[in-house]
Amino acid sequence: MANQEMPIFTRTFELLSWLLPVSNHFSRTHRHTFTQRLLLPAPPAGGSYVQP
């Protein structure tokens, strides 16, 4: 098991390898929002990113 990579890391790498080149075609505003959402931590349980 030590020589085997965890699937979550492999899948995340594959997703980002596909997603980042695709995001180059987004408008500047959408790229900025997209990047901010990627960098934000996960929302609290039962919560959301929307602030009151």
PDB file of N, CA and C in Angstrom:
ATOM      1  N   MET A   1       0.814  -1.193   0.000  1.00  0.00           N
ATOM      2  CA  MET A   1       0.000   0.000   0.000  1.00  0.00           C
ATOM      3  C   MET A   1       0.860   1.260   0.000  1.00  0.00           C
ATOM      4  N   ALA A   2       2.074   1.175   0.519  1.00  0.00           N
ATOM      5  CA  ALA A   2       2.940   2.354   0.599  1.00  0.00           C
ATOM      6  C   ALA A   2       3.352   2.847  -0.788  1.00  0.00           C
ATOM      7  N   ASN A   3       3.473   1.953  -1.747  1.00  0.00           N
ATOM      8  CA  ASN A   3       3.879   2.338  -3.101  1.00  0.00           C
ATOM      9  C   ASN A   3       2.722   2.854  -3.946  1.00  0.00           C
ATOM     10  N   GLN A   4       1.510   2.676  -3.458  1.00  0.00           N
ATOM     11  CA  GLN A   4       0.324   3.054  -4.222  1.00  0.00           C
ATOM     12  C   GLN A   4      -0.098   4.470  -3.824  1.00  0.00           C
ATOM     13  N   GLU A   5      -0.346   5.313  -4.829  1.00  0.00           N
ATOM     14  CA  GLU A   5      -0.796   6.673  -4.546  1.00  0.00           C
ATOM     15  C   GLU A   5      -2.258   6.662  -4.157  1.00  0.00           C
ATOM     16  N   MET A   6      -2.634   7.640  -3.349  1.00  0.00           N
ATOM     17  CA  MET A   6      -4.037   7.755  -2.975  1.00  0.00           C
ATOM     18  C   MET A   6      -4.817   8.297  -4.168  1.00  0.00           C
ATOM     19  N   PRO A   7      -5.956   7.702  -4.489  1.00  0.00           N
ATOM     20  CA  PRO A   7      -6.729   8.116  -5.667  1.00  0.00           C
ATOM     21  C   PRO A   7      -7.170   9.578  -5.630  1.00  0.00           C
ATOM     22  N   ILE A   8      -7.427  10.121  -4.460  1.00  0.00           N
ATOM     23  CA  ILE A   8      -7.895  11.511  -4.387  1.00  0.00           C
ATOM     24  C   ILE A   8      -6.847  12.473  -4.929  1.00  0.00           C
ATOM     25  N   PHE A   9      -5.582  12.212  -4.656  1.00  0.00           N
ATOM     26  CA  PHE A   9      -4.519  13.095  -5.149  1.00  0.00           C
ATOM     27  C   PHE A   9      -4.353  12.968  -6.661  1.00  0.00           C
ATOM     28  N   THR A  10      -4.441  11.736  -7.145  1.00  0.00           N
ATOM     29  CA  THR A  10      -4.330  11.508  -8.583  1.00  0.00           C
ATOM     30  C   THR A  10      -5.482  12.177  -9.319  1.00  0.00           C
ATOM     31  N   ARG A  11      -6.701  12.001  -8.823  1.00  0.00           N
ATOM     32  CA  ARG A  11      -7.877  12.589  -9.469  1.00  0.00           C
ATOM     33  C   ARG A  11      -7.856  14.109  -9.394  1.00  0.00           C
ATOM     34  N   THR A  12      -7.408  14.653  -8.286  1.00  0.00           N
ATOM     35  CA  THR A  12      -7.330  16.106  -8.150  1.00  0.00           C
ATOM     36  C   THR A  12      -6.316  16.673  -9.134  1.00  0.00           C
ATOM     37  N   PHE A  13      -5.184  16.023  -9.270  1.00  0.00           N
ATOM     38  CA  PHE A  13      -4.175  16.453 -10.230  1.00  0.00           C
ATOM     39  C   PHE A  13      -4.723  16.407 -11.650  1.00  0.00           C
ATOM     40  N   GLU A  14      -5.417  15.317 -11.989  1.00  0.00           N
ATOM     41  CA  GLU A  14      -6.004  15.191 -13.322  1.00  0.00           C
ATOM     42  C   GLU A  14      -7.044  16.287 -13.575  1.00  0.00           C
ATOM     43  N   LEU A  15      -7.868  16.577 -12.570  1.00  0.00           N
ATOM     44  CA  LEU A  15      -8.876  17.626 -12.706  1.00  0.00           C
ATOM     45  C   LEU A  15      -8.219  18.979 -12.949  1.00  0.00           C
ATOM     46  N   LEU A  16      -7.222  19.319 -12.155  1.00  0.00           N
ATOM     47  CA  LEU A  16      -6.548  20.608 -12.313  1.00  0.00           C
ATOM     48  C   LEU A  16      -5.758  20.681 -13.612  1.00  0.00           C
ATOM     49  N   SER A  17      -5.189  19.564 -14.037  1.00  0.00           N
ATOM     50  CA  SER A  17      -4.469  19.538 -15.312  1.00  0.00           C
ATOM     51  C   SER A  17      -5.404  19.819 -16.481  1.00  0.00           C
ATOM     52  N   TRP A  18      -6.646  19.410 -16.354  1.00  0.00           N
ATOM     53  CA  TRP A  18      -7.629  19.685 -17.394  1.00  0.00           C
ATOM     54  C   TRP A  18      -8.231  21.075 -17.229  1.00  0.00           C
ATOM     55  N   LEU A  19      -8.518  21.457 -15.984  1.00  0.00           N
ATOM     56  CA  LEU A  19      -9.276  22.671 -15.715  1.00  0.00           C
ATOM     57  C   LEU A  19      -8.483  23.951 -15.942  1.00  0.00           C
ATOM     58  N   LEU A  20      -7.237  23.983 -15.580  1.00  0.00           N
ATOM     59  CA  LEU A  20      -6.462  25.216 -15.699  1.00  0.00           C
ATOM     60  C   LEU A  20      -6.295  25.681 -17.147  1.00  0.00           C
ATOM     61  N   PRO A  21      -5.969  24.819 -18.098  1.00  0.00           N
ATOM     62  CA  PRO A  21      -5.916  25.294 -19.490  1.00  0.00           C
ATOM     63  C   PRO A  21      -7.283  25.739 -20.016  1.00  0.00           C
ATOM     64  N   VAL A  22      -8.347  25.060 -19.588  1.00  0.00           N
ATOM     65  CA  VAL A  22      -9.691  25.441 -20.017  1.00  0.00           C
ATOM     66  C   VAL A  22     -10.047  26.821 -19.474  1.00  0.00           C
ATOM     67  N   SER A  23      -9.621  27.110 -18.241  1.00  0.00           N
ATOM     68  CA  SER A  23      -9.964  28.403 -17.626  1.00  0.00           C
ATOM     69  C   SER A  23      -9.270  29.578 -18.315  1.00  0.00           C
ATOM     70  N   ASN A  24      -8.259  29.340 -19.112  1.00  0.00           N
ATOM     71  CA  ASN A  24      -7.613  30.429 -19.854  1.00  0.00           C
ATOM     72  C   ASN A  24      -8.555  31.064 -20.870  1.00  0.00           C
ATOM     73  N   HIS A  25      -9.610  30.356 -21.229  1.00  0.00           N
ATOM     74  CA  HIS A  25     -10.579  30.884 -22.187  1.00  0.00           C
ATOM     75  C   HIS A  25     -11.714  31.653 -21.504  1.00  0.00           C
ATOM     76  N   PHE A  26     -11.722  31.674 -20.167  1.00  0.00           N
ATOM     77  CA  PHE A  26     -12.733  32.434 -19.432  1.00  0.00           C
ATOM     78  C   PHE A  26     -12.404  33.915 -19.537  1.00  0.00           C
ATOM     79  N   SER A  27     -13.419  34.744 -19.347  1.00  0.00           N
ATOM     80  CA  SER A  27     -13.165  36.182 -19.301  1.00  0.00           C
ATOM     81  C   SER A  27     -12.375  36.497 -18.026  1.00  0.00           C
ATOM     82  N   ARG A  28     -11.767  37.652 -17.978  1.00  0.00           N
ATOM     83  CA  ARG A  28     -10.938  38.017 -16.833  1.00  0.00           C
ATOM     84  C   ARG A  28     -11.731  37.975 -15.530  1.00  0.00           C
ATOM     85  N   THR A  29     -12.956  38.484 -15.559  1.00  0.00           N
ATOM     86  CA  THR A  29     -13.795  38.503 -14.358  1.00  0.00           C
ATOM     87  C   THR A  29     -14.086  37.086 -13.876  1.00  0.00           C
ATOM     88  N   HIS A  30     -14.442  36.221 -14.791  1.00  0.00           N
ATOM     89  CA  HIS A  30     -14.752  34.852 -14.401  1.00  0.00           C
ATOM     90  C   HIS A  30     -13.512  34.108 -13.913  1.00  0.00           C
ATOM     91  N   ARG A  31     -12.370  34.355 -14.530  1.00  0.00           N
ATOM     92  CA  ARG A  31     -11.125  33.718 -14.056  1.00  0.00           C
ATOM     93  C   ARG A  31     -10.814  34.148 -12.634  1.00  0.00           C
ATOM     94  N   HIS A  32     -10.994  35.430 -12.340  1.00  0.00           N
ATOM     95  CA  HIS A  32     -10.710  35.947 -11.000  1.00  0.00           C
ATOM     96  C   HIS A  32     -11.624  35.284  -9.963  1.00  0.00           C
ATOM     97  N   THR A  33     -12.918  35.231 -10.264  1.00  0.00           N
ATOM     98  CA  THR A  33     -13.876  34.605  -9.355  1.00  0.00           C
ATOM     99  C   THR A  33     -13.573  33.126  -9.183  1.00  0.00           C
ATOM    100  N   PHE A  34     -13.272  32.472 -10.281  1.00  0.00           N
ATOM    101  CA  PHE A  34     -12.961  31.046 -10.252  1.00  0.00           C
ATOM    102  C   PHE A  34     -11.745  30.772  -9.368  1.00  0.00           C
ATOM    103  N   THR A  35     -10.706  31.569  -9.529  1.00  0.00           N
ATOM    104  CA  THR A  35      -9.496  31.393  -8.729  1.00  0.00           C
ATOM    105  C   THR A  35      -9.762  31.643  -7.254  1.00  0.00           C
ATOM    106  N   GLN A  36     -10.535  32.673  -6.950  1.00  0.00           N
ATOM    107  CA  GLN A  36     -10.863  32.949  -5.551  1.00  0.00           C
ATOM    108  C   GLN A  36     -11.613  31.781  -4.928  1.00  0.00           C
ATOM    109  N   ARG A  37     -12.556  31.208  -5.670  1.00  0.00           N
ATOM    110  CA  ARG A  37     -13.321  30.077  -5.140  1.00  0.00           C
ATOM    111  C   ARG A  37     -12.423  28.859  -4.910  1.00  0.00           C
ATOM    112  N   LEU A  38     -11.445  28.651  -5.773  1.00  0.00           N
ATOM    113  CA  LEU A  38     -10.524  27.533  -5.585  1.00  0.00           C
ATOM    114  C   LEU A  38      -9.661  27.721  -4.346  1.00  0.00           C
ATOM    115  N   LEU A  39      -9.305  28.967  -4.061  1.00  0.00           N
ATOM    116  CA  LEU A  39      -8.400  29.232  -2.953  1.00  0.00           C
ATOM    117  C   LEU A  39      -9.103  29.349  -1.607  1.00  0.00           C
ATOM    118  N   LEU A  40     -10.418  29.555  -1.609  1.00  0.00           N
ATOM    119  CA  LEU A  40     -11.153  29.647  -0.350  1.00  0.00           C
ATOM    120  C   LEU A  40     -11.221  28.281   0.314  1.00  0.00           C
ATOM    121  N   PRO A  41     -11.199  28.272   1.636  1.00  0.00           N
ATOM    122  CA  PRO A  41     -11.385  26.988   2.314  1.00  0.00           C
ATOM    123  C   PRO A  41     -12.837  26.528   2.160  1.00  0.00           C
ATOM    124  N   ALA A  42     -13.087  25.274   2.458  1.00  0.00           N
ATOM    125  CA  ALA A  42     -14.443  24.732   2.361  1.00  0.00           C
ATOM    126  C   ALA A  42     -15.355  25.470   3.342  1.00  0.00           C
ATOM    127  N   PRO A  43     -16.613  25.658   2.974  1.00  0.00           N
ATOM    128  CA  PRO A  43     -17.531  26.347   3.885  1.00  0.00           C
ATOM    129  C   PRO A  43     -17.783  25.495   5.129  1.00  0.00           C
ATOM    130  N   PRO A  44     -18.183  26.103   6.222  1.00  0.00           N
ATOM    131  CA  PRO A  44     -18.460  25.321   7.430  1.00  0.00           C
ATOM    132  C   PRO A  44     -19.634  24.379   7.198  1.00  0.00           C
ATOM    133  N   ALA A  45     -19.715  23.329   7.995  1.00  0.00           N
ATOM    134  CA  ALA A  45     -20.806  22.365   7.849  1.00  0.00           C
ATOM    135  C   ALA A  45     -22.148  23.082   7.960  1.00  0.00           C
ATOM    136  N   GLY A  46     -22.967  22.889   6.960  1.00  0.00           N
ATOM    137  CA  GLY A  46     -24.284  23.519   6.961  1.00  0.00           C
ATOM    138  C   GLY A  46     -24.256  24.982   6.573  1.00  0.00           C
ATOM    139  N   GLY A  47     -23.088  25.511   6.250  1.00  0.00           N
ATOM    140  CA  GLY A  47     -22.950  26.918   5.906  1.00  0.00           C
ATOM    141  C   GLY A  47     -22.786  27.123   4.414  1.00  0.00           C
ATOM    142  N   SER A  48     -22.487  28.342   4.051  1.00  0.00           N
ATOM    143  CA  SER A  48     -22.259  28.644   2.659  1.00  0.00           C
ATOM    144  C   SER A  48     -21.232  29.774   2.566  1.00  0.00           C
ATOM    145  N   TYR A  49     -20.847  30.114   1.343  1.00  0.00           N
ATOM    146  CA  TYR A  49     -19.895  31.202   1.123  1.00  0.00           C
ATOM    147  C   TYR A  49     -20.570  32.571   1.222  1.00  0.00           C
ATOM    148  N   VAL A  50     -21.891  32.603   1.191  1.00  0.00           N
ATOM    149  CA  VAL A  50     -22.608  33.874   1.217  1.00  0.00           C
ATOM    150  C   VAL A  50     -22.531  34.447   2.620  1.00  0.00           C
ATOM    151  N   GLN A  51     -22.081  35.672   2.705  1.00  0.00           N
ATOM    152  CA  GLN A  51     -21.986  36.325   4.006  1.00  0.00           C
ATOM    153  C   GLN A  51     -23.182  37.242   4.194  1.00  0.00           C
ATOM    154  N   PRO A  52     -23.731  37.317   5.407  1.00  0.00           N
ATOM    155  CA  PRO A  52     -24.898  38.181   5.646  1.00  0.00           C
ATOM    156  C   PRO A  52     -24.574  39.643   5.521  1.00  0.00           C
TER     157      PRO A  52
END
